[in-house]
Amino acid sequence: MRISEVARRSGVSARMLRHYEALGLVRPTGRTGTGYREYSDENIRRVFHIESLRSLGLSLRDVGRALDDPAFAPAGLVEDLIRGTRDRIAAETELLTRLRRIDAAEPACWEDVLQVVALLQALGSKSPGARQRAALSAAEDVPLPVEALVEAVLSESDPNVAGALRWALAQSSSAAEEGLPLLAKGLDSPTAAVRKRAVRSLAELPDGAATALLTEALAHHDVVVRRYAALALGARGVADAIPTLVEMVVVGRNDGDAADALSALAADPAVADRIGTGLVGRLAGSGREPAARRRLTQALAGVPGDTASRALAELAEDADPGVALTAAYVLSLRAAD
C-alpha cells in the first residue's frame, strides 16, 4: 500500500506520515520497484495508535515510548496530562472571563481597553490600597462590568476596600439588572463570609428588586443574613423586618442599630403599636435576663403610642433599677412633650 492510500485511509497527511517515519514512529515495510514507500496493514494500525495517543495530548516522543517501551507505564504520564490540561483550562477560562468583561465595558478605543485591563488587574492586586483605588476609579472614571465588581466585593476581606466596592457597585447603572442575580447567588454560597458580603451589598442597592431579595432573606437559614436584611429593610420602612429586629434587641446582636430601625418604623402610627406589642411580649418572656430586659426597655423609648407608654409606666416600678430609671426618664420626656 502506497503512502497516498495510507493517507486516505488514516486521515493523516502524507507529509505527516513522512515526519513520523523520520522520527522512527512508523517504518514502511519496504519500497516498490519504482521506489515508492510501501505500508502494511500493521503500519496503518500503528498510525491509528499514534493518532489516538496524540489526541490525549502526548508528545510524539512519549507516543514512541508508549508504543515501543514495554516498561513505559501510562499512570504517571496520564496524571501529568490531567494536571496540565486542568492548568490550560483554568488559564483559558481566566482569559475568556477577562475578554468578556472588557467586551461588557464597551470600550470605544484601545485606550479604553487598556484602562479596563489596568483596573481589572488592580482589583486582583495583593495591595488593599490598590484594590480600593481601583474600586473608586471604577465608580468615577472607568466603568467596570458589574460581574467584575460583584466578584470582587464577594471575595474582599478588607473592610475599607469592601466598603469602596459596595459603593462602586451601588453607583453602577447596571447593578440592578446584572448585579442582583449574582448577589442572590452569593446569598446561597456555602461560605458564611460570602453570604454576609452579599447581603451587605444588597443593603446598599436602592432598587425595589433589591428590597424584594432582602425581604426573602428574612427567612434565610443564616442568622447573620437575616439580621443584615432586617436592618436594611427597617431603614426602608418594611414592617416585615420587625420580628427579626426585636429578636436582635433581645439577644444583643447589633441591638442599637435594631432599636434605631424599630424607632424609624414606628414613625408610622399603624406600625408603632405592632412594634410596642412585640417588645412588650418579649419583656414578659425575659424575666431571668436583666440585660435583655434593659435593652428592650431602651428600645421601647423610641416607640411612640399608648402600648409603649403603658409598658414604660409599669417598667418605671420595676425591681431592676436600670430598667426602672430608663423607663421613668423616657416617661418624663414624653410628659414634657
C-alpha atoms as a PDB file:
ATOM      1  CA  MET A   1       0.000   0.000   0.000  1.00  0.00           C
ATOM      2  CA  ARG A   2       1.491   3.332  -1.069  1.00  0.00           C
ATOM      3  CA  ILE A   3       1.670   6.426   1.118  1.00  0.00           C
ATOM      4  CA  SER A   4      -1.199   8.195  -0.671  1.00  0.00           C
ATOM      5  CA  GLU A   5      -3.503   5.251   0.092  1.00  0.00           C
ATOM      6  CA  VAL A   6      -2.398   5.222   3.775  1.00  0.00           C
ATOM      7  CA  ALA A   7      -3.075   8.955   3.985  1.00  0.00           C
ATOM      8  CA  ARG A   8      -6.553   8.468   2.504  1.00  0.00           C
ATOM      9  CA  ARG A   9      -7.451   5.643   4.895  1.00  0.00           C
ATOM     10  CA  SER A  10      -5.986   7.153   8.049  1.00  0.00           C
ATOM     11  CA  GLY A  11      -6.746  10.834   7.506  1.00  0.00           C
ATOM     12  CA  VAL A  12      -3.081  11.636   8.228  1.00  0.00           C
ATOM     13  CA  SER A  13      -1.362  13.697   5.546  1.00  0.00           C
ATOM     14  CA  ALA A  14       1.486  12.224   3.522  1.00  0.00           C
ATOM     15  CA  ARG A  15       3.705  14.965   4.888  1.00  0.00           C
ATOM     16  CA  MET A  16       2.944  13.946   8.476  1.00  0.00           C
ATOM     17  CA  LEU A  17       3.481  10.272   7.617  1.00  0.00           C
ATOM     18  CA  ARG A  18       6.949  11.140   6.323  1.00  0.00           C
ATOM     19  CA  HIS A  19       7.557  13.075   9.538  1.00  0.00           C
ATOM     20  CA  TYR A  20       6.543  10.013  11.564  1.00  0.00           C
ATOM     21  CA  GLU A  21       8.947   7.930   9.521  1.00  0.00           C
ATOM     22  CA  ALA A  22      11.776  10.412  10.105  1.00  0.00           C
ATOM     23  CA  LEU A  23      11.178  10.122  13.853  1.00  0.00           C
ATOM     24  CA  GLY A  24      11.106   6.336  13.673  1.00  0.00           C
ATOM     25  CA  LEU A  25       7.463   6.114  14.744  1.00  0.00           C
ATOM     26  CA  VAL A  26       6.337   4.350  11.555  1.00  0.00           C
ATOM     27  CA  ARG A  27       8.595   2.235   9.396  1.00  0.00           C
ATOM     28  CA  PRO A  28       7.309   1.255   5.943  1.00  0.00           C
ATOM     29  CA  THR A  29       7.706  -2.459   5.200  1.00  0.00           C
ATOM     30  CA  GLY A  30       9.697  -1.689   2.074  1.00  0.00           C
ATOM     31  CA  ARG A  31       9.633   0.045  -1.287  1.00  0.00           C
ATOM     32  CA  THR A  32       8.089  -0.763  -4.621  1.00  0.00           C
ATOM     33  CA  GLY A  33      10.166  -1.425  -7.696  1.00  0.00           C
ATOM     34  CA  THR A  34       9.783   2.200  -8.638  1.00  0.00           C
ATOM     35  CA  GLY A  35      10.992   3.406  -5.214  1.00  0.00           C
ATOM     36  CA  TYR A  36       7.660   4.276  -3.565  1.00  0.00           C
ATOM     37  CA  ARG A  37       7.211   3.538   0.141  1.00  0.00           C
ATOM     38  CA  GLU A  38       5.063   0.542   0.843  1.00  0.00           C
ATOM     39  CA  TYR A  39       2.976   0.180   4.004  1.00  0.00           C
ATOM     40  CA  SER A  40       1.384  -2.904   5.519  1.00  0.00           C
ATOM     41  CA  ASP A  41      -1.868  -3.254   7.431  1.00  0.00           C
ATOM     42  CA  GLU A  42       0.209  -3.293  10.615  1.00  0.00           C
ATOM     43  CA  ASN A  43       1.695   0.069   9.634  1.00  0.00           C
ATOM     44  CA  ILE A  44      -1.810   1.507   9.273  1.00  0.00           C
ATOM     45  CA  ARG A  45      -2.805   0.168  12.693  1.00  0.00           C
ATOM     46  CA  ARG A  46       0.291   1.820  14.162  1.00  0.00           C
ATOM     47  CA  VAL A  47      -0.660   5.147  12.550  1.00  0.00           C
ATOM     48  CA  PHE A  48      -4.078   4.905  14.182  1.00  0.00           C
ATOM     49  CA  HIS A  49      -2.427   4.157  17.541  1.00  0.00           C
ATOM     50  CA  ILE A  50      -0.158   7.180  17.133  1.00  0.00           C
ATOM     51  CA  GLU A  51      -3.119   9.446  16.383  1.00  0.00           C
ATOM     52  CA  SER A  52      -5.094   8.069  19.335  1.00  0.00           C
ATOM     53  CA  LEU A  53      -2.265   8.772  21.765  1.00  0.00           C
ATOM     54  CA  ARG A  54      -1.675  12.221  20.291  1.00  0.00           C
ATOM     55  CA  SER A  55      -5.366  13.001  20.847  1.00  0.00           C
ATOM     56  CA  LEU A  56      -4.703  12.564  24.581  1.00  0.00           C
ATOM     57  CA  GLY A  57      -2.052  15.267  24.479  1.00  0.00           C
ATOM     58  CA  LEU A  58       1.042  13.041  24.400  1.00  0.00           C
ATOM     59  CA  SER A  59       4.128  14.395  22.691  1.00  0.00           C
ATOM     60  CA  LEU A  60       5.472  12.404  19.751  1.00  0.00           C
ATOM     61  CA  ARG A  61       8.410  11.398  21.945  1.00  0.00           C
ATOM     62  CA  ASP A  62       6.058   9.957  24.563  1.00  0.00           C
ATOM     63  CA  VAL A  63       3.986   8.309  21.830  1.00  0.00           C
ATOM     64  CA  GLY A  64       7.074   6.460  20.651  1.00  0.00           C
ATOM     65  CA  ARG A  65       7.929   5.344  24.179  1.00  0.00           C
ATOM     66  CA  ALA A  66       4.355   4.209  24.840  1.00  0.00           C
ATOM     67  CA  LEU A  67       4.324   2.051  21.691  1.00  0.00           C
ATOM     68  CA  ASP A  68       7.852   0.634  21.873  1.00  0.00           C
ATOM     69  CA  ASP A  69       8.901   0.508  25.539  1.00  0.00           C
ATOM     70  CA  PRO A  70       7.087  -2.251  27.481  1.00  0.00           C
ATOM     71  CA  ALA A  71       8.276  -0.708  30.759  1.00  0.00           C
ATOM     72  CA  PHE A  72       6.714   2.672  29.978  1.00  0.00           C
ATOM     73  CA  ALA A  73       3.750   2.853  32.395  1.00  0.00           C
ATOM     74  CA  PRO A  74       0.816   5.107  31.495  1.00  0.00           C
ATOM     75  CA  ALA A  75      -0.324   6.022  35.012  1.00  0.00           C
ATOM     76  CA  GLY A  76       2.217   8.730  35.817  1.00  0.00           C
ATOM     77  CA  LEU A  77       2.043  10.267  32.353  1.00  0.00           C
ATOM     78  CA  VAL A  78      -1.756  10.334  32.342  1.00  0.00           C
ATOM     79  CA  GLU A  79      -1.728  12.108  35.724  1.00  0.00           C
ATOM     80  CA  ASP A  80       0.656  14.703  34.287  1.00  0.00           C
ATOM     81  CA  LEU A  81      -1.612  15.142  31.270  1.00  0.00           C
ATOM     82  CA  ILE A  82      -4.643  15.633  33.515  1.00  0.00           C
ATOM     83  CA  ARG A  83      -2.785  18.226  35.584  1.00  0.00           C
ATOM     84  CA  GLY A  84      -1.543  20.068  32.527  1.00  0.00           C
ATOM     85  CA  THR A  85      -4.979  20.031  30.919  1.00  0.00           C
ATOM     86  CA  ARG A  86      -6.566  21.451  34.049  1.00  0.00           C
ATOM     87  CA  ASP A  87      -3.969  24.218  34.133  1.00  0.00           C
ATOM     88  CA  ARG A  88      -4.627  25.077  30.494  1.00  0.00           C
ATOM     89  CA  ILE A  89      -8.389  25.094  31.020  1.00  0.00           C
ATOM     90  CA  ALA A  90      -8.008  27.371  34.046  1.00  0.00           C
ATOM     91  CA  ALA A  91      -5.782  29.736  32.095  1.00  0.00           C
ATOM     92  CA  GLU A  92      -8.140  29.778  29.110  1.00  0.00           C
ATOM     93  CA  THR A  93     -11.157  30.297  31.364  1.00  0.00           C
ATOM     94  CA  GLU A  94      -9.440  33.225  33.067  1.00  0.00           C
ATOM     95  CA  LEU A  95      -8.609  34.727  29.689  1.00  0.00           C
ATOM     96  CA  LEU A  96     -12.179  34.226  28.458  1.00  0.00           C
ATOM     97  CA  THR A  97     -13.563  35.909  31.585  1.00  0.00           C
ATOM     98  CA  ARG A  98     -11.203  38.864  31.135  1.00  0.00           C
ATOM     99  CA  LEU A  99     -12.171  39.253  27.472  1.00  0.00           C
ATOM    100  CA  ARG A 100     -15.888  39.047  28.280  1.00  0.00           C
ATOM    101  CA  ARG A 101     -15.519  41.729  30.901  1.00  0.00           C
ATOM    102  CA  ILE A 102     -13.624  44.001  28.561  1.00  0.00           C
ATOM    103  CA  ASP A 103     -16.331  43.471  25.957  1.00  0.00           C
ATOM    104  CA  ALA A 104     -19.034  44.247  28.526  1.00  0.00           C
ATOM    105  CA  ALA A 105     -17.330  47.563  29.299  1.00  0.00           C
ATOM    106  CA  GLU A 106     -17.977  48.553  25.650  1.00  0.00           C
ATOM    107  CA  PRO A 107     -14.604  50.232  25.077  1.00  0.00           C
ATOM    108  CA  ALA A 108     -14.594  52.836  22.338  1.00  0.00           C
ATOM    109  CA  CYS A 109     -10.862  52.665  21.666  1.00  0.00           C
ATOM    110  CA  TRP A 110      -7.726  50.791  22.681  1.00  0.00           C
ATOM    111  CA  GLU A 111      -7.046  53.363  25.376  1.00  0.00           C
ATOM    112  CA  ASP A 112     -10.331  52.334  26.995  1.00  0.00           C
ATOM    113  CA  VAL A 113      -9.326  48.688  26.729  1.00  0.00           C
ATOM    114  CA  LEU A 114      -6.016  49.380  28.458  1.00  0.00           C
ATOM    115  CA  GLN A 115      -7.769  51.292  31.259  1.00  0.00           C
ATOM    116  CA  VAL A 116     -10.215  48.439  31.870  1.00  0.00           C
ATOM    117  CA  VAL A 117      -7.380  45.896  31.887  1.00  0.00           C
ATOM    118  CA  ALA A 118      -5.449  48.021  34.369  1.00  0.00           C
ATOM    119  CA  LEU A 119      -8.472  48.266  36.680  1.00  0.00           C
ATOM    120  CA  LEU A 120      -9.160  44.530  36.479  1.00  0.00           C
ATOM    121  CA  GLN A 121      -5.539  43.836  37.370  1.00  0.00           C
ATOM    122  CA  ALA A 122      -5.704  46.313  40.247  1.00  0.00           C
ATOM    123  CA  LEU A 123      -8.829  44.620  41.622  1.00  0.00           C
ATOM    124  CA  GLY A 124      -6.793  41.420  41.834  1.00  0.00           C
ATOM    125  CA  SER A 125      -3.799  43.120  43.463  1.00  0.00           C
ATOM    126  CA  LYS A 126      -2.419  41.925  46.793  1.00  0.00           C
ATOM    127  CA  SER A 127      -2.357  45.549  47.956  1.00  0.00           C
ATOM    128  CA  PRO A 128      -5.575  46.699  49.692  1.00  0.00           C
ATOM    129  CA  GLY A 129      -4.755  50.273  48.698  1.00  0.00           C
ATOM    130  CA  ALA A 130      -4.532  49.333  45.027  1.00  0.00           C
ATOM    131  CA  ARG A 131      -7.826  47.471  45.213  1.00  0.00           C
ATOM    132  CA  GLN A 132      -9.516  50.399  46.922  1.00  0.00           C
ATOM    133  CA  ARG A 133      -8.246  52.870  44.318  1.00  0.00           C
ATOM    134  CA  ALA A 134      -9.481  50.575  41.578  1.00  0.00           C
ATOM    135  CA  ALA A 135     -12.936  50.447  43.188  1.00  0.00           C
ATOM    136  CA  LEU A 136     -13.129  54.232  43.405  1.00  0.00           C
ATOM    137  CA  SER A 137     -11.912  54.627  39.828  1.00  0.00           C
ATOM    138  CA  ALA A 138     -14.495  52.103  38.657  1.00  0.00           C
ATOM    139  CA  ALA A 139     -17.241  54.308  40.051  1.00  0.00           C
ATOM    140  CA  GLU A 140     -15.851  57.657  38.965  1.00  0.00           C
ATOM    141  CA  ASP A 141     -13.701  57.280  35.856  1.00  0.00           C
ATOM    142  CA  VAL A 142     -13.760  53.948  34.025  1.00  0.00           C
ATOM    143  CA  PRO A 143     -16.933  51.889  34.394  1.00  0.00           C
ATOM    144  CA  LEU A 144     -16.224  48.240  35.075  1.00  0.00           C
ATOM    145  CA  PRO A 145     -18.542  45.346  34.256  1.00  0.00           C
ATOM    146  CA  VAL A 146     -20.882  44.611  37.164  1.00  0.00           C
ATOM    147  CA  GLU A 147     -19.797  40.983  37.129  1.00  0.00           C
ATOM    148  CA  ALA A 148     -16.235  42.020  37.986  1.00  0.00           C
ATOM    149  CA  LEU A 149     -17.410  44.306  40.789  1.00  0.00           C
ATOM    150  CA  VAL A 150     -19.660  41.640  42.310  1.00  0.00           C
ATOM    151  CA  GLU A 151     -16.913  39.030  42.165  1.00  0.00           C
ATOM    152  CA  ALA A 152     -14.541  41.480  43.841  1.00  0.00           C
ATOM    153  CA  VAL A 153     -16.965  42.508  46.580  1.00  0.00           C
ATOM    154  CA  LEU A 154     -17.886  38.908  47.397  1.00  0.00           C
ATOM    155  CA  SER A 155     -14.238  37.942  47.806  1.00  0.00           C
ATOM    156  CA  GLU A 156     -12.953  41.085  49.563  1.00  0.00           C
ATOM    157  CA  SER A 157     -11.908  40.635  53.199  1.00  0.00           C
ATOM    158  CA  ASP A 158     -10.536  44.129  53.876  1.00  0.00           C
ATOM    159  CA  PRO A 159     -13.405  46.227  55.334  1.00  0.00           C
ATOM    160  CA  ASN A 160     -12.258  49.502  53.777  1.00  0.00           C
ATOM    161  CA  VAL A 161     -11.873  48.004  50.322  1.00  0.00           C
ATOM    162  CA  ALA A 162     -15.180  46.171  50.687  1.00  0.00           C
ATOM    163  CA  GLY A 163     -16.922  49.442  51.508  1.00  0.00           C
ATOM    164  CA  ALA A 164     -15.454  51.101  48.427  1.00  0.00           C
ATOM    165  CA  LEU A 165     -16.507  48.168  46.258  1.00  0.00           C
ATOM    166  CA  ARG A 166     -20.064  48.216  47.599  1.00  0.00           C
ATOM    167  CA  TRP A 167     -20.229  51.936  46.885  1.00  0.00           C
ATOM    168  CA  ALA A 168     -18.900  51.436  43.357  1.00  0.00           C
ATOM    169  CA  LEU A 169     -21.440  48.688  42.763  1.00  0.00           C
ATOM    170  CA  ALA A 170     -24.280  50.886  44.003  1.00  0.00           C
ATOM    171  CA  GLN A 171     -23.204  53.638  41.578  1.00  0.00           C
ATOM    172  CA  SER A 172     -23.291  51.296  38.593  1.00  0.00           C
ATOM    173  CA  SER A 173     -26.210  51.822  36.247  1.00  0.00           C
ATOM    174  CA  SER A 174     -26.309  48.076  35.597  1.00  0.00           C
ATOM    175  CA  ALA A 175     -26.257  46.997  39.239  1.00  0.00           C
ATOM    176  CA  ALA A 176     -29.979  46.261  39.419  1.00  0.00           C
ATOM    177  CA  GLU A 177     -30.203  44.354  36.149  1.00  0.00           C
ATOM    178  CA  GLU A 178     -26.927  42.429  36.212  1.00  0.00           C
ATOM    179  CA  GLY A 179     -25.729  42.578  39.808  1.00  0.00           C
ATOM    180  CA  LEU A 180     -28.813  41.360  41.675  1.00  0.00           C
ATOM    181  CA  PRO A 181     -28.801  37.819  40.232  1.00  0.00           C
ATOM    182  CA  LEU A 182     -25.108  37.483  41.090  1.00  0.00           C
ATOM    183  CA  LEU A 183     -25.644  38.758  44.636  1.00  0.00           C
ATOM    184  CA  ALA A 184     -28.595  36.393  45.003  1.00  0.00           C
ATOM    185  CA  LYS A 185     -26.236  33.532  44.185  1.00  0.00           C
ATOM    186  CA  GLY A 186     -23.872  34.924  46.796  1.00  0.00           C
ATOM    187  CA  LEU A 187     -26.613  34.580  49.409  1.00  0.00           C
ATOM    188  CA  ASP A 188     -26.654  30.852  48.658  1.00  0.00           C
ATOM    189  CA  SER A 189     -22.878  30.459  48.933  1.00  0.00           C
ATOM    190  CA  PRO A 190     -21.652  27.655  51.224  1.00  0.00           C
ATOM    191  CA  THR A 191     -19.208  30.194  52.693  1.00  0.00           C
ATOM    192  CA  ALA A 192     -20.630  32.316  55.522  1.00  0.00           C
ATOM    193  CA  ALA A 193     -18.350  35.282  54.780  1.00  0.00           C
ATOM    194  CA  VAL A 194     -19.545  35.407  51.168  1.00  0.00           C
ATOM    195  CA  ARG A 195     -23.192  35.330  52.275  1.00  0.00           C
ATOM    196  CA  LYS A 196     -22.546  38.225  54.628  1.00  0.00           C
ATOM    197  CA  ARG A 197     -20.851  40.265  51.890  1.00  0.00           C
ATOM    198  CA  ALA A 198     -23.722  39.558  49.528  1.00  0.00           C
ATOM    199  CA  VAL A 199     -26.432  40.761  51.901  1.00  0.00           C
ATOM    200  CA  ARG A 200     -24.438  43.855  52.844  1.00  0.00           C
ATOM    201  CA  SER A 201     -24.061  44.702  49.160  1.00  0.00           C
ATOM    202  CA  LEU A 202     -27.784  44.203  48.589  1.00  0.00           C
ATOM    203  CA  ALA A 203     -28.476  46.529  51.504  1.00  0.00           C
ATOM    204  CA  GLU A 204     -26.757  49.368  49.642  1.00  0.00           C
ATOM    205  CA  LEU A 205     -28.673  48.916  46.398  1.00  0.00           C
ATOM    206  CA  PRO A 206     -31.779  51.158  46.400  1.00  0.00           C
ATOM    207  CA  ASP A 207     -33.626  49.239  43.709  1.00  0.00           C
ATOM    208  CA  GLY A 208     -37.010  47.722  44.504  1.00  0.00           C
ATOM    209  CA  ALA A 209     -35.772  44.333  43.348  1.00  0.00           C
ATOM    210  CA  ALA A 210     -33.064  44.521  45.999  1.00  0.00           C
ATOM    211  CA  THR A 211     -35.756  45.166  48.599  1.00  0.00           C
ATOM    212  CA  ALA A 212     -37.593  42.065  47.407  1.00  0.00           C
ATOM    213  CA  LEU A 213     -34.449  39.954  47.757  1.00  0.00           C
ATOM    214  CA  LEU A 214     -33.808  41.358  51.225  1.00  0.00           C
ATOM    215  CA  THR A 215     -37.361  40.532  52.231  1.00  0.00           C
ATOM    216  CA  GLU A 216     -36.853  36.947  51.085  1.00  0.00           C
ATOM    217  CA  ALA A 217     -33.607  36.895  53.074  1.00  0.00           C
ATOM    218  CA  LEU A 218     -35.585  37.365  56.314  1.00  0.00           C
ATOM    219  CA  ALA A 219     -36.263  33.617  56.070  1.00  0.00           C
ATOM    220  CA  HIS A 220     -32.643  32.713  55.270  1.00  0.00           C
ATOM    221  CA  HIS A 221     -31.028  29.853  57.168  1.00  0.00           C
ATOM    222  CA  ASP A 222     -28.088  32.090  58.086  1.00  0.00           C
ATOM    223  CA  VAL A 223     -28.946  34.292  61.065  1.00  0.00           C
ATOM    224  CA  VAL A 224     -26.328  36.876  60.028  1.00  0.00           C
ATOM    225  CA  VAL A 225     -28.011  37.264  56.656  1.00  0.00           C
ATOM    226  CA  ARG A 226     -31.397  37.639  58.343  1.00  0.00           C
ATOM    227  CA  ARG A 227     -30.084  40.353  60.655  1.00  0.00           C
ATOM    228  CA  TYR A 228     -28.406  42.454  57.951  1.00  0.00           C
ATOM    229  CA  ALA A 229     -31.517  42.107  55.790  1.00  0.00           C
ATOM    230  CA  ALA A 230     -33.729  43.245  58.666  1.00  0.00           C
ATOM    231  CA  LEU A 231     -31.593  46.325  59.335  1.00  0.00           C
ATOM    232  CA  ALA A 232     -31.707  47.317  55.675  1.00  0.00           C
ATOM    233  CA  LEU A 233     -35.437  46.717  55.434  1.00  0.00           C
ATOM    234  CA  GLY A 234     -36.123  48.648  58.619  1.00  0.00           C
ATOM    235  CA  ALA A 235     -34.403  51.653  57.076  1.00  0.00           C
ATOM    236  CA  ARG A 236     -36.644  51.205  54.010  1.00  0.00           C
ATOM    237  CA  GLY A 237     -39.821  51.127  56.063  1.00  0.00           C
ATOM    238  CA  VAL A 238     -40.575  47.441  55.507  1.00  0.00           C
ATOM    239  CA  ALA A 239     -42.554  46.229  58.525  1.00  0.00           C
ATOM    240  CA  ASP A 240     -41.813  42.558  57.764  1.00  0.00           C
ATOM    241  CA  ALA A 241     -38.443  43.155  59.435  1.00  0.00           C
ATOM    242  CA  ILE A 242     -39.982  43.833  62.866  1.00  0.00           C
ATOM    243  CA  PRO A 243     -39.768  40.287  64.339  1.00  0.00           C
ATOM    244  CA  THR A 244     -36.100  39.937  63.395  1.00  0.00           C
ATOM    245  CA  LEU A 245     -35.262  43.401  64.711  1.00  0.00           C
ATOM    246  CA  VAL A 246     -36.985  42.671  68.022  1.00  0.00           C
ATOM    247  CA  GLU A 247     -35.072  39.401  68.284  1.00  0.00           C
ATOM    248  CA  MET A 248     -31.807  41.288  67.696  1.00  0.00           C
ATOM    249  CA  VAL A 249     -32.639  43.539  70.652  1.00  0.00           C
ATOM    250  CA  VAL A 250     -33.366  40.509  72.836  1.00  0.00           C
ATOM    251  CA  VAL A 251     -30.147  38.666  72.051  1.00  0.00           C
ATOM    252  CA  GLY A 252     -27.972  41.781  71.961  1.00  0.00           C
ATOM    253  CA  ARG A 253     -26.696  41.496  68.378  1.00  0.00           C
ATOM    254  CA  ASN A 254     -26.452  44.933  66.740  1.00  0.00           C
ATOM    255  CA  ASP A 255     -29.192  45.827  69.192  1.00  0.00           C
ATOM    256  CA  GLY A 256     -28.547  49.583  68.985  1.00  0.00           C
ATOM    257  CA  ASP A 257     -28.945  49.547  65.212  1.00  0.00           C
ATOM    258  CA  ALA A 258     -32.003  47.315  65.544  1.00  0.00           C
ATOM    259  CA  ALA A 259     -33.595  49.700  68.062  1.00  0.00           C
ATOM    260  CA  ASP A 260     -32.924  52.633  65.715  1.00  0.00           C
ATOM    261  CA  ALA A 261     -34.553  50.725  62.847  1.00  0.00           C
ATOM    262  CA  LEU A 262     -37.583  49.945  65.010  1.00  0.00           C
ATOM    263  CA  SER A 263     -37.836  53.607  66.002  1.00  0.00           C
ATOM    264  CA  ALA A 264     -37.778  54.630  62.338  1.00  0.00           C
ATOM    265  CA  LEU A 265     -40.505  52.120  61.518  1.00  0.00           C
ATOM    266  CA  ALA A 266     -42.554  53.317  64.491  1.00  0.00           C
ATOM    267  CA  ALA A 267     -42.946  56.722  62.837  1.00  0.00           C
ATOM    268  CA  ASP A 268     -45.929  55.093  61.160  1.00  0.00           C
ATOM    269  CA  PRO A 269     -48.686  55.042  63.838  1.00  0.00           C
ATOM    270  CA  ALA A 270     -50.161  51.871  62.351  1.00  0.00           C
ATOM    271  CA  VAL A 271     -46.836  50.128  62.877  1.00  0.00           C
ATOM    272  CA  ALA A 272     -45.909  51.682  66.245  1.00  0.00           C
ATOM    273  CA  ASP A 273     -48.413  49.593  68.244  1.00  0.00           C
ATOM    274  CA  ARG A 274     -47.265  46.438  66.491  1.00  0.00           C
ATOM    275  CA  ILE A 275     -43.680  47.188  67.481  1.00  0.00           C
ATOM    276  CA  GLY A 276     -44.673  48.093  71.026  1.00  0.00           C
ATOM    277  CA  THR A 277     -46.633  44.864  71.373  1.00  0.00           C
ATOM    278  CA  GLY A 278     -43.690  42.865  70.075  1.00  0.00           C
ATOM    279  CA  LEU A 279     -41.250  44.437  72.525  1.00  0.00           C
ATOM    280  CA  VAL A 280     -43.639  44.114  75.489  1.00  0.00           C
ATOM    281  CA  GLY A 281     -44.263  40.478  74.638  1.00  0.00           C
ATOM    282  CA  ARG A 282     -40.551  39.749  74.757  1.00  0.00           C
ATOM    283  CA  LEU A 283     -40.204  41.608  78.051  1.00  0.00           C
ATOM    284  CA  ALA A 284     -42.649  39.182  79.614  1.00  0.00           C
ATOM    285  CA  GLY A 285     -40.577  36.260  78.420  1.00  0.00           C
ATOM    286  CA  SER A 286     -37.216  37.615  79.506  1.00  0.00           C
ATOM    287  CA  GLY A 287     -37.670  37.861  83.284  1.00  0.00           C
ATOM    288  CA  ARG A 288     -34.482  35.967  84.017  1.00  0.00           C
ATOM    289  CA  GLU A 289     -32.364  38.048  81.660  1.00  0.00           C
ATOM    290  CA  PRO A 290     -31.787  41.502  83.164  1.00  0.00           C
ATOM    291  CA  ALA A 291     -29.586  42.677  80.296  1.00  0.00           C
ATOM    292  CA  ALA A 292     -32.222  41.736  77.721  1.00  0.00           C
ATOM    293  CA  ARG A 293     -34.968  43.497  79.683  1.00  0.00           C
ATOM    294  CA  ARG A 294     -32.865  46.664  79.794  1.00  0.00           C
ATOM    295  CA  ARG A 295     -32.279  46.541  76.042  1.00  0.00           C
ATOM    296  CA  LEU A 296     -35.987  46.041  75.409  1.00  0.00           C
ATOM    297  CA  THR A 297     -36.828  48.973  77.691  1.00  0.00           C
ATOM    298  CA  GLN A 298     -34.377  51.186  75.823  1.00  0.00           C
ATOM    299  CA  ALA A 299     -35.929  50.095  72.517  1.00  0.00           C
ATOM    300  CA  LEU A 300     -39.389  50.990  73.817  1.00  0.00           C
ATOM    301  CA  ALA A 301     -38.106  54.507  74.410  1.00  0.00           C
ATOM    302  CA  GLY A 302     -38.051  55.113  70.655  1.00  0.00           C
ATOM    303  CA  VAL A 303     -41.573  53.813  70.065  1.00  0.00           C
ATOM    304  CA  PRO A 304     -44.484  56.261  70.336  1.00  0.00           C
ATOM    305  CA  GLY A 305     -48.040  55.224  71.145  1.00  0.00           C
ATOM    306  CA  ASP A 306     -50.169  54.018  74.038  1.00  0.00           C
ATOM    307  CA  THR A 307     -48.850  50.452  74.060  1.00  0.00           C
ATOM    308  CA  ALA A 308     -45.282  51.590  74.649  1.00  0.00           C
ATOM    309  CA  SER A 309     -46.331  54.254  77.172  1.00  0.00           C
ATOM    310  CA  ARG A 310     -48.310  51.816  79.279  1.00  0.00           C
ATOM    311  CA  ALA A 311     -45.425  49.362  79.268  1.00  0.00           C
ATOM    312  CA  LEU A 312     -42.985  52.084  80.295  1.00  0.00           C
ATOM    313  CA  ALA A 313     -45.265  53.149  83.163  1.00  0.00           C
ATOM    314  CA  GLU A 314     -45.182  49.613  84.523  1.00  0.00           C
ATOM    315  CA  LEU A 315     -41.435  49.336  83.984  1.00  0.00           C
ATOM    316  CA  ALA A 316     -40.868  52.564  85.948  1.00  0.00           C
ATOM    317  CA  GLU A 317     -41.775  50.486  89.019  1.00  0.00           C
ATOM    318  CA  ASP A 318     -39.566  47.552  88.021  1.00  0.00           C
ATOM    319  CA  ALA A 319     -37.338  45.861  90.575  1.00  0.00           C
ATOM    320  CA  ASP A 320     -34.365  46.287  88.275  1.00  0.00           C
ATOM    321  CA  PRO A 321     -33.007  49.813  88.925  1.00  0.00           C
ATOM    322  CA  GLY A 322     -31.602  50.098  85.416  1.00  0.00           C
ATOM    323  CA  VAL A 323     -34.927  49.235  83.841  1.00  0.00           C
ATOM    324  CA  ALA A 324     -36.901  51.486  86.239  1.00  0.00           C
ATOM    325  CA  LEU A 325     -34.647  54.514  85.741  1.00  0.00           C
ATOM    326  CA  THR A 326     -34.693  54.202  81.963  1.00  0.00           C
ATOM    327  CA  ALA A 327     -38.471  53.870  81.855  1.00  0.00           C
ATOM    328  CA  ALA A 328     -39.004  56.782  84.261  1.00  0.00           C
ATOM    329  CA  TYR A 329     -36.667  59.017  82.267  1.00  0.00           C
ATOM    330  CA  VAL A 330     -38.442  58.254  78.995  1.00  0.00           C
ATOM    331  CA  LEU A 331     -41.834  58.924  80.596  1.00  0.00           C
ATOM    332  CA  SER A 332     -40.616  62.276  81.859  1.00  0.00           C
ATOM    333  CA  LEU A 333     -39.535  63.234  78.352  1.00  0.00           C
ATOM    334  CA  ARG A 334     -42.893  62.206  76.941  1.00  0.00           C
ATOM    335  CA  ALA A 335     -44.708  64.233  79.616  1.00  0.00           C
ATOM    336  CA  ALA A 336     -42.614  67.271  78.754  1.00  0.00           C
ATOM    337  CA  ASP A 337     -43.597  66.936  75.094  1.00  0.00           C
END
